[in-house]
PDB file of N, CA and C in Angstrom:
ATOM      1  N   MET A   1     113.813 128.658  57.060  1.00  0.00           N
ATOM      2  CA  MET A   1     115.150 129.306  57.106  1.00  0.00           C
ATOM      3  C   MET A   1     115.153 130.039  58.451  1.00  0.00           C
ATOM      4  N   SER A   2     116.213 129.874  59.155  1.00  0.00           N
ATOM      5  CA  SER A   2     116.306 130.599  60.483  1.00  0.00           C
ATOM      6  C   SER A   2     116.982 131.999  60.212  1.00  0.00           C
ATOM      7  N   CYS A   3     116.753 132.875  61.229  1.00  0.00           N
ATOM      8  CA  CYS A   3     117.361 134.224  61.148  1.00  0.00           C
ATOM      9  C   CYS A   3     118.893 134.174  61.227  1.00  0.00           C
ATOM     10  N   LYS A   4     119.445 134.743  60.196  1.00  0.00           N
ATOM     11  CA  LYS A   4     120.885 134.704  60.208  1.00  0.00           C
ATOM     12  C   LYS A   4     121.592 136.105  60.518  1.00  0.00           C
ATOM     13  N   VAL A   5     120.682 136.996  61.043  1.00  0.00           N
ATOM     14  CA  VAL A   5     121.211 138.411  61.326  1.00  0.00           C
ATOM     15  C   VAL A   5     121.518 138.296  62.848  1.00  0.00           C
ATOM     16  N   THR A   6     122.790 138.685  63.211  1.00  0.00           N
ATOM     17  CA  THR A   6     123.152 138.757  64.590  1.00  0.00           C
ATOM     18  C   THR A   6     122.819 140.159  65.234  1.00  0.00           C
ATOM     19  N   LEU A   7     122.906 140.259  66.485  1.00  0.00           N
ATOM     20  CA  LEU A   7     122.480 141.443  67.164  1.00  0.00           C
ATOM     21  C   LEU A   7     123.537 142.538  66.756  1.00  0.00           C
ATOM     22  N   ASP A   8     124.778 142.243  66.671  1.00  0.00           N
ATOM     23  CA  ASP A   8     125.946 143.183  66.396  1.00  0.00           C
ATOM     24  C   ASP A   8     125.632 143.726  64.859  1.00  0.00           C
ATOM     25  N   GLN A   9     125.325 142.756  63.988  1.00  0.00           N
ATOM     26  CA  GLN A   9     125.070 143.144  62.565  1.00  0.00           C
ATOM     27  C   GLN A   9     123.811 144.165  62.466  1.00  0.00           C
ATOM     28  N   LEU A  10     122.843 143.806  63.163  1.00  0.00           N
ATOM     29  CA  LEU A  10     121.645 144.643  63.227  1.00  0.00           C
ATOM     30  C   LEU A  10     121.883 146.072  63.866  1.00  0.00           C
ATOM     31  N   LYS A  11     122.561 146.076  64.812  1.00  0.00           N
ATOM     32  CA  LYS A  11     122.926 147.317  65.390  1.00  0.00           C
ATOM     33  C   LYS A  11     123.850 148.135  64.487  1.00  0.00           C
ATOM     34  N   PHE A  12     124.699 147.463  63.870  1.00  0.00           N
ATOM     35  CA  PHE A  12     125.579 148.132  62.791  1.00  0.00           C
ATOM     36  C   PHE A  12     124.824 148.745  61.719  1.00  0.00           C
ATOM     37  N   GLU A  13     123.891 147.985  61.184  1.00  0.00           N
ATOM     38  CA  GLU A  13     122.965 148.503  60.144  1.00  0.00           C
ATOM     39  C   GLU A  13     122.142 149.696  60.615  1.00  0.00           C
ATOM     40  N   MET A  14     121.522 149.527  61.738  1.00  0.00           N
ATOM     41  CA  MET A  14     120.710 150.675  62.260  1.00  0.00           C
ATOM     42  C   MET A  14     121.497 151.947  62.448  1.00  0.00           C
ATOM     43  N   ARG A  15     122.711 151.701  63.036  1.00  0.00           N
ATOM     44  CA  ARG A  15     123.621 152.907  63.294  1.00  0.00           C
ATOM     45  C   ARG A  15     123.962 153.543  62.021  1.00  0.00           C
ATOM     46  N   GLY A  16     124.362 152.771  60.998  1.00  0.00           N
ATOM     47  CA  GLY A  16     124.715 153.252  59.714  1.00  0.00           C
ATOM     48  C   GLY A  16     123.590 154.108  58.938  1.00  0.00           C
ATOM     49  N   TYR A  17     122.373 153.540  59.059  1.00  0.00           N
ATOM     50  CA  TYR A  17     121.140 154.195  58.408  1.00  0.00           C
ATOM     51  C   TYR A  17     120.870 155.431  59.201  1.00  0.00           C
ATOM     52  N   ALA A  18     120.953 155.403  60.453  1.00  0.00           N
ATOM     53  CA  ALA A  18     120.600 156.626  61.276  1.00  0.00           C
ATOM     54  C   ALA A  18     121.739 157.739  60.983  1.00  0.00           C
ATOM     55  N   GLU A  19     122.945 157.310  60.940  1.00  0.00           N
ATOM     56  CA  GLU A  19     124.018 158.276  60.684  1.00  0.00           C
ATOM     57  C   GLU A  19     123.949 158.894  59.307  1.00  0.00           C
ATOM     58  N   THR A  20     123.453 158.129  58.335  1.00  0.00           N
ATOM     59  CA  THR A  20     123.181 158.648  56.953  1.00  0.00           C
ATOM     60  C   THR A  20     122.131 159.673  56.948  1.00  0.00           C
ATOM     61  N   PHE A  21     121.158 159.558  57.702  1.00  0.00           N
ATOM     62  CA  PHE A  21     119.997 160.593  57.729  1.00  0.00           C
ATOM     63  C   PHE A  21     120.444 161.770  58.565  1.00  0.00           C
ATOM     64  N   SER A  22     121.087 161.561  59.630  1.00  0.00           N
ATOM     65  CA  SER A  22     121.344 162.666  60.576  1.00  0.00           C
ATOM     66  C   SER A  22     122.673 163.414  60.263  1.00  0.00           C
ATOM     67  N   LYS A  23     123.571 162.748  59.525  1.00  0.00           N
ATOM     68  CA  LYS A  23     124.922 163.177  59.280  1.00  0.00           C
ATOM     69  C   LYS A  23     125.678 163.479  60.488  1.00  0.00           C
ATOM     70  N   LYS A  24     125.463 162.763  61.607  1.00  0.00           N
ATOM     71  CA  LYS A  24     126.305 162.886  62.768  1.00  0.00           C
ATOM     72  C   LYS A  24     126.367 161.471  63.428  1.00  0.00           C
ATOM     73  N   LYS A  25     127.372 161.325  64.315  1.00  0.00           N
ATOM     74  CA  LYS A  25     127.662 160.038  64.959  1.00  0.00           C
ATOM     75  C   LYS A  25     126.465 159.695  65.805  1.00  0.00           C
ATOM     76  N   VAL A  26     126.045 158.503  65.779  1.00  0.00           N
ATOM     77  CA  VAL A  26     124.879 158.033  66.492  1.00  0.00           C
ATOM     78  C   VAL A  26     125.326 157.295  67.832  1.00  0.00           C
ATOM     79  N   ASP A  27     124.589 157.656  68.971  1.00  0.00           N
ATOM     80  CA  ASP A  27     124.776 157.004  70.205  1.00  0.00           C
ATOM     81  C   ASP A  27     123.687 155.979  70.404  1.00  0.00           C
ATOM     82  N   ASP A  28     124.158 154.739  70.471  1.00  0.00           N
ATOM     83  CA  ASP A  28     123.161 153.667  70.656  1.00  0.00           C
ATOM     84  C   ASP A  28     122.111 153.687  71.710  1.00  0.00           C
ATOM     85  N   ASN A  29     122.467 154.629  72.642  1.00  0.00           N
ATOM     86  CA  ASN A  29     121.538 154.813  73.788  1.00  0.00           C
ATOM     87  C   ASN A  29     120.601 156.012  73.803  1.00  0.00           C
ATOM     88  N   LYS A  30     120.686 156.746  72.663  1.00  0.00           N
ATOM     89  CA  LYS A  30     119.737 157.879  72.590  1.00  0.00           C
ATOM     90  C   LYS A  30     118.574 157.443  71.639  1.00  0.00           C
ATOM     91  N   PRO A  31     117.362 158.060  71.903  1.00  0.00           N
ATOM     92  CA  PRO A  31     116.219 157.719  71.132  1.00  0.00           C
ATOM     93  C   PRO A  31     116.495 157.955  69.549  1.00  0.00           C
ATOM     94  N   LEU A  32     115.974 157.037  68.875  1.00  0.00           N
ATOM     95  CA  LEU A  32     116.203 157.174  67.376  1.00  0.00           C
ATOM     96  C   LEU A  32     115.697 158.461  66.805  1.00  0.00           C
ATOM     97  N   LYS A  33     114.543 158.993  67.384  1.00  0.00           N
ATOM     98  CA  LYS A  33     113.957 160.170  66.869  1.00  0.00           C
ATOM     99  C   LYS A  33     114.925 161.312  66.914  1.00  0.00           C
ATOM    100  N   THR A  34     115.966 161.219  67.728  1.00  0.00           N
ATOM    101  CA  THR A  34     116.991 162.260  67.697  1.00  0.00           C
ATOM    102  C   THR A  34     117.656 162.460  66.347  1.00  0.00           C
ATOM    103  N   TYR A  35     117.730 161.254  65.619  1.00  0.00           N
ATOM    104  CA  TYR A  35     118.476 161.221  64.422  1.00  0.00           C
ATOM    105  C   TYR A  35     117.588 161.071  63.220  1.00  0.00           C
ATOM    106  N   LEU A  36     116.313 160.702  63.414  1.00  0.00           N
ATOM    107  CA  LEU A  36     115.556 160.446  62.305  1.00  0.00           C
ATOM    108  C   LEU A  36     114.307 161.545  62.372  1.00  0.00           C
ATOM    109  N   SER A  37     114.583 162.780  62.139  1.00  0.00           N
ATOM    110  CA  SER A  37     113.628 163.807  62.031  1.00  0.00           C
ATOM    111  C   SER A  37     113.489 164.423  60.796  1.00  0.00           C
ATOM    112  N   GLY A  38     112.448 165.181  60.593  1.00  0.00           N
ATOM    113  CA  GLY A  38     112.240 166.007  59.377  1.00  0.00           C
ATOM    114  C   GLY A  38     111.448 165.094  58.378  1.00  0.00           C
ATOM    115  N   GLY A  39     111.019 165.700  57.312  1.00  0.00           N
ATOM    116  CA  GLY A  39     110.308 165.171  56.188  1.00  0.00           C
ATOM    117  C   GLY A  39     108.897 165.061  56.505  1.00  0.00           C
ATOM    118  N   ASN A  40     108.085 164.648  55.632  1.00  0.00           N
ATOM    119  CA  ASN A  40     106.648 164.431  55.846  1.00  0.00           C
ATOM    120  C   ASN A  40     106.061 163.390  54.896  1.00  0.00           C
ATOM    121  N   GLY A  41     104.964 162.811  55.069  1.00  0.00           N
ATOM    122  CA  GLY A  41     104.472 161.837  54.240  1.00  0.00           C
ATOM    123  C   GLY A  41     105.099 160.514  54.523  1.00  0.00           C
ATOM    124  N   THR A  42     105.081 159.638  53.472  1.00  0.00           N
ATOM    125  CA  THR A  42     105.717 158.335  53.656  1.00  0.00           C
ATOM    126  C   THR A  42     107.156 158.359  53.254  1.00  0.00           C
ATOM    127  N   ALA A  43     107.683 159.327  52.766  1.00  0.00           N
ATOM    128  CA  ALA A  43     109.126 159.440  52.467  1.00  0.00           C
ATOM    129  C   ALA A  43     109.891 160.238  53.441  1.00  0.00           C
ATOM    130  N   ASN A  44     109.680 160.024  54.687  1.00  0.00           N
ATOM    131  CA  ASN A  44     110.414 160.732  55.745  1.00  0.00           C
ATOM    132  C   ASN A  44     111.505 159.890  56.283  1.00  0.00           C
ATOM    133  N   PRO A  45     112.409 160.267  57.023  1.00  0.00           N
ATOM    134  CA  PRO A  45     113.518 159.430  57.529  1.00  0.00           C
ATOM    135  C   PRO A  45     113.097 158.242  58.333  1.00  0.00           C
ATOM    136  N   GLN A  46     112.078 158.443  59.216  1.00  0.00           N
ATOM    137  CA  GLN A  46     111.558 157.294  60.029  1.00  0.00           C
ATOM    138  C   GLN A  46     111.094 156.169  59.188  1.00  0.00           C
ATOM    139  N   CYS A  47     110.287 156.520  58.174  1.00  0.00           N
ATOM    140  CA  CYS A  47     109.584 155.392  57.351  1.00  0.00           C
ATOM    141  C   CYS A  47     110.716 154.756  56.472  1.00  0.00           C
ATOM    142  N   ILE A  48     111.643 155.411  55.960  1.00  0.00           N
ATOM    143  CA  ILE A  48     112.722 154.885  55.130  1.00  0.00           C
ATOM    144  C   ILE A  48     113.666 154.103  56.029  1.00  0.00           C
ATOM    145  N   PHE A  49     114.030 154.564  57.194  1.00  0.00           N
ATOM    146  CA  PHE A  49     114.804 153.762  58.194  1.00  0.00           C
ATOM    147  C   PHE A  49     114.163 152.411  58.471  1.00  0.00           C
ATOM    148  N   LYS A  50     112.891 152.486  58.734  1.00  0.00           N
ATOM    149  CA  LYS A  50     112.157 151.406  59.070  1.00  0.00           C
ATOM    150  C   LYS A  50     112.124 150.340  57.833  1.00  0.00           C
ATOM    151  N   ALA A  51     111.871 150.757  56.780  1.00  0.00           N
ATOM    152  CA  ALA A  51     111.874 149.997  55.458  1.00  0.00           C
ATOM    153  C   ALA A  51     113.239 149.262  55.393  1.00  0.00           C
ATOM    154  N   PHE A  52     114.335 150.036  55.489  1.00  0.00           N
ATOM    155  CA  PHE A  52     115.643 149.342  55.385  1.00  0.00           C
ATOM    156  C   PHE A  52     115.937 148.393  56.363  1.00  0.00           C
ATOM    157  N   ILE A  53     115.614 148.601  57.620  1.00  0.00           N
ATOM    158  CA  ILE A  53     115.848 147.571  58.732  1.00  0.00           C
ATOM    159  C   ILE A  53     114.874 146.327  58.460  1.00  0.00           C
ATOM    160  N   LYS A  54     113.671 146.541  58.064  1.00  0.00           N
ATOM    161  CA  LYS A  54     112.755 145.403  57.738  1.00  0.00           C
ATOM    162  C   LYS A  54     113.441 144.617  56.576  1.00  0.00           C
ATOM    163  N   TYR A  55     113.985 145.338  55.548  1.00  0.00           N
ATOM    164  CA  TYR A  55     114.670 144.550  54.564  1.00  0.00           C
ATOM    165  C   TYR A  55     115.730 143.681  55.057  1.00  0.00           C
ATOM    166  N   ILE A  56     116.617 144.387  55.884  1.00  0.00           N
ATOM    167  CA  ILE A  56     117.787 143.632  56.386  1.00  0.00           C
ATOM    168  C   ILE A  56     117.372 142.304  57.192  1.00  0.00           C
ATOM    169  N   LEU A  57     116.300 142.457  57.913  1.00  0.00           N
ATOM    170  CA  LEU A  57     115.746 141.237  58.750  1.00  0.00           C
ATOM    171  C   LEU A  57     115.205 140.170  57.737  1.00  0.00           C
ATOM    172  N   GLU A  58     114.429 140.706  56.722  1.00  0.00           N
ATOM    173  CA  GLU A  58     113.778 139.757  55.789  1.00  0.00           C
ATOM    174  C   GLU A  58     114.796 139.035  54.920  1.00  0.00           C
ATOM    175  N   ARG A  59     115.881 139.847  54.532  1.00  0.00           N
ATOM    176  CA  ARG A  59     116.980 139.256  53.702  1.00  0.00           C
ATOM    177  C   ARG A  59     117.796 138.181  54.556  1.00  0.00           C
ATOM    178  N   GLY A  60     117.790 138.481  55.778  1.00  0.00           N
ATOM    179  CA  GLY A  60     118.517 137.516  56.701  1.00  0.00           C
ATOM    180  C   GLY A  60     117.714 136.328  57.084  1.00  0.00           C
ATOM    181  N   GLY A  61     116.494 136.239  56.599  1.00  0.00           N
ATOM    182  CA  GLY A  61     115.637 135.066  56.875  1.00  0.00           C
ATOM    183  C   GLY A  61     114.869 135.171  58.226  1.00  0.00           C
ATOM    184  N   CYS A  62     114.763 136.392  58.725  1.00  0.00           N
ATOM    185  CA  CYS A  62     113.986 136.594  60.037  1.00  0.00           C
ATOM    186  C   CYS A  62     112.606 136.809  59.686  1.00  0.00           C
ATOM    187  N   VAL A  63     111.718 136.404  60.603  1.00  0.00           N
ATOM    188  CA  VAL A  63     110.339 136.608  60.484  1.00  0.00           C
ATOM    189  C   VAL A  63     109.957 138.011  60.962  1.00  0.00           C
ATOM    190  N   LEU A  64     109.311 138.741  60.177  1.00  0.00           N
ATOM    191  CA  LEU A  64     108.916 140.150  60.401  1.00  0.00           C
ATOM    192  C   LEU A  64     107.654 140.152  61.336  1.00  0.00           C
ATOM    193  N   ARG A  65     107.797 140.954  62.387  1.00  0.00           N
ATOM    194  CA  ARG A  65     106.634 141.284  63.209  1.00  0.00           C
ATOM    195  C   ARG A  65     106.376 142.736  63.283  1.00  0.00           C
ATOM    196  N   PRO A  66     105.176 143.024  63.779  1.00  0.00           N
ATOM    197  CA  PRO A  66     104.961 144.548  63.815  1.00  0.00           C
ATOM    198  C   PRO A  66     105.895 145.227  64.830  1.00  0.00           C
ATOM    199  N   TRP A  67     106.334 146.429  64.441  1.00  0.00           N
ATOM    200  CA  TRP A  67     107.273 147.139  65.337  1.00  0.00           C
ATOM    201  C   TRP A  67     106.470 147.809  66.461  1.00  0.00           C
ATOM    202  N   PRO A  68     107.034 148.079  67.570  1.00  0.00           N
ATOM    203  CA  PRO A  68     106.348 148.793  68.630  1.00  0.00           C
ATOM    204  C   PRO A  68     105.955 150.105  68.101  1.00  0.00           C
ATOM    205  N   GLY A  69     104.766 150.668  68.474  1.00  0.00           N
ATOM    206  CA  GLY A  69     104.234 151.927  68.030  1.00  0.00           C
ATOM    207  C   GLY A  69     105.051 153.098  68.509  1.00  0.00           C
ATOM    208  N   THR A  70     105.876 152.817  69.539  1.00  0.00           N
ATOM    209  CA  THR A  70     106.688 153.949  70.050  1.00  0.00           C
ATOM    210  C   THR A  70     108.238 153.754  69.666  1.00  0.00           C
ATOM    211  N   TRP A  71     108.471 153.013  68.604  1.00  0.00           N
ATOM    212  CA  TRP A  71     109.925 152.693  68.323  1.00  0.00           C
ATOM    213  C   TRP A  71     110.694 153.907  67.966  1.00  0.00           C
ATOM    214  N   PRO A  72     110.269 155.012  67.613  1.00  0.00           N
ATOM    215  CA  PRO A  72     111.155 156.195  67.409  1.00  0.00           C
ATOM    216  C   PRO A  72     111.776 156.674  68.802  1.00  0.00           C
ATOM    217  N   ASP A  73     110.874 156.416  69.873  1.00  0.00           N
ATOM    218  CA  ASP A  73     111.356 156.892  71.252  1.00  0.00           C
ATOM    219  C   ASP A  73     112.344 155.935  71.825  1.00  0.00           C
ATOM    220  N   GLN A  74     112.606 154.791  71.162  1.00  0.00           N
ATOM    221  CA  GLN A  74     113.554 153.738  71.585  1.00  0.00           C
ATOM    222  C   GLN A  74     114.879 154.010  71.084  1.00  0.00           C
ATOM    223  N   SER A  75     115.942 153.452  71.772  1.00  0.00           N
ATOM    224  CA  SER A  75     117.241 153.490  71.313  1.00  0.00           C
ATOM    225  C   SER A  75     117.544 152.224  70.408  1.00  0.00           C
ATOM    226  N   ILE A  76     118.716 152.314  69.726  1.00  0.00           N
ATOM    227  CA  ILE A  76     119.142 151.152  68.910  1.00  0.00           C
ATOM    228  C   ILE A  76     119.430 150.115  70.030  1.00  0.00           C
ATOM    229  N   SER A  77     120.010 150.372  71.174  1.00  0.00           N
ATOM    230  CA  SER A  77     120.242 149.250  72.163  1.00  0.00           C
ATOM    231  C   SER A  77     118.991 148.638  72.688  1.00  0.00           C
ATOM    232  N   THR A  78     117.808 149.331  72.641  1.00  0.00           N
ATOM    233  CA  THR A  78     116.588 148.766  73.079  1.00  0.00           C
ATOM    234  C   THR A  78     115.856 147.995  71.882  1.00  0.00           C
ATOM    235  N   LEU A  79     115.770 148.801  70.852  1.00  0.00           N
ATOM    236  CA  LEU A  79     114.991 148.359  69.708  1.00  0.00           C
ATOM    237  C   LEU A  79     115.648 147.123  68.918  1.00  0.00           C
ATOM    238  N   ALA A  80     116.934 147.095  68.697  1.00  0.00           N
ATOM    239  CA  ALA A  80     117.550 146.092  68.005  1.00  0.00           C
ATOM    240  C   ALA A  80     117.262 144.645  68.488  1.00  0.00           C
ATOM    241  N   PRO A  81     117.563 144.527  69.881  1.00  0.00           N
ATOM    242  CA  PRO A  81     117.297 143.107  70.370  1.00  0.00           C
ATOM    243  C   PRO A  81     115.823 142.790  70.384  1.00  0.00           C
ATOM    244  N   TRP A  82     114.886 143.689  70.572  1.00  0.00           N
ATOM    245  CA  TRP A  82     113.452 143.504  70.512  1.00  0.00           C
ATOM    246  C   TRP A  82     113.131 142.850  69.116  1.00  0.00           C
ATOM    247  N   LEU A  83     113.496 143.657  68.015  1.00  0.00           N
ATOM    248  CA  LEU A  83     113.232 143.187  66.644  1.00  0.00           C
ATOM    249  C   LEU A  83     113.860 141.834  66.353  1.00  0.00           C
ATOM    250  N   LEU A  84     115.066 141.655  66.741  1.00  0.00           N
ATOM    251  CA  LEU A  84     115.892 140.353  66.412  1.00  0.00           C
ATOM    252  C   LEU A  84     115.291 139.241  67.183  1.00  0.00           C
ATOM    253  N   PHE A  85     115.073 139.354  68.494  1.00  0.00           N
ATOM    254  CA  PHE A  85     114.612 138.163  69.214  1.00  0.00           C
ATOM    255  C   PHE A  85     113.142 137.871  69.036  1.00  0.00           C
ATOM    256  N   LYS A  86     112.387 138.990  68.789  1.00  0.00           N
ATOM    257  CA  LYS A  86     110.981 138.808  68.414  1.00  0.00           C
ATOM    258  C   LYS A  86     110.758 138.172  67.063  1.00  0.00           C
ATOM    259  N   SER A  87     111.859 138.366  66.186  1.00  0.00           N
ATOM    260  CA  SER A  87     111.835 137.881  64.873  1.00  0.00           C
ATOM    261  C   SER A  87     112.189 136.421  64.655  1.00  0.00           C
ATOM    262  N   SER A  88     113.052 135.864  65.598  1.00  0.00           N
ATOM    263  CA  SER A  88     113.497 134.593  65.343  1.00  0.00           C
ATOM    264  C   SER A  88     112.553 133.490  65.942  1.00  0.00           C
TER     265      SER A  88
END
């Protein structure tokens, strides 16, 4: 099964989840850590965001690969294509 998630769809999902956690409009060019802060342990916004996005990719038939260790420092504009094109 090939990856059926488009770049625009992935960015839309990432933006939506980040906005849910931050309760403010997300700029695709700002680091994700700007919007995904707080919490501790495994139930923090960054871990939950990552799990949601992995689910979107998996549900879309994409191959999951390890995320870059510095992904919270990356923007949606940078991370989305990396995940999508590294997954296909």
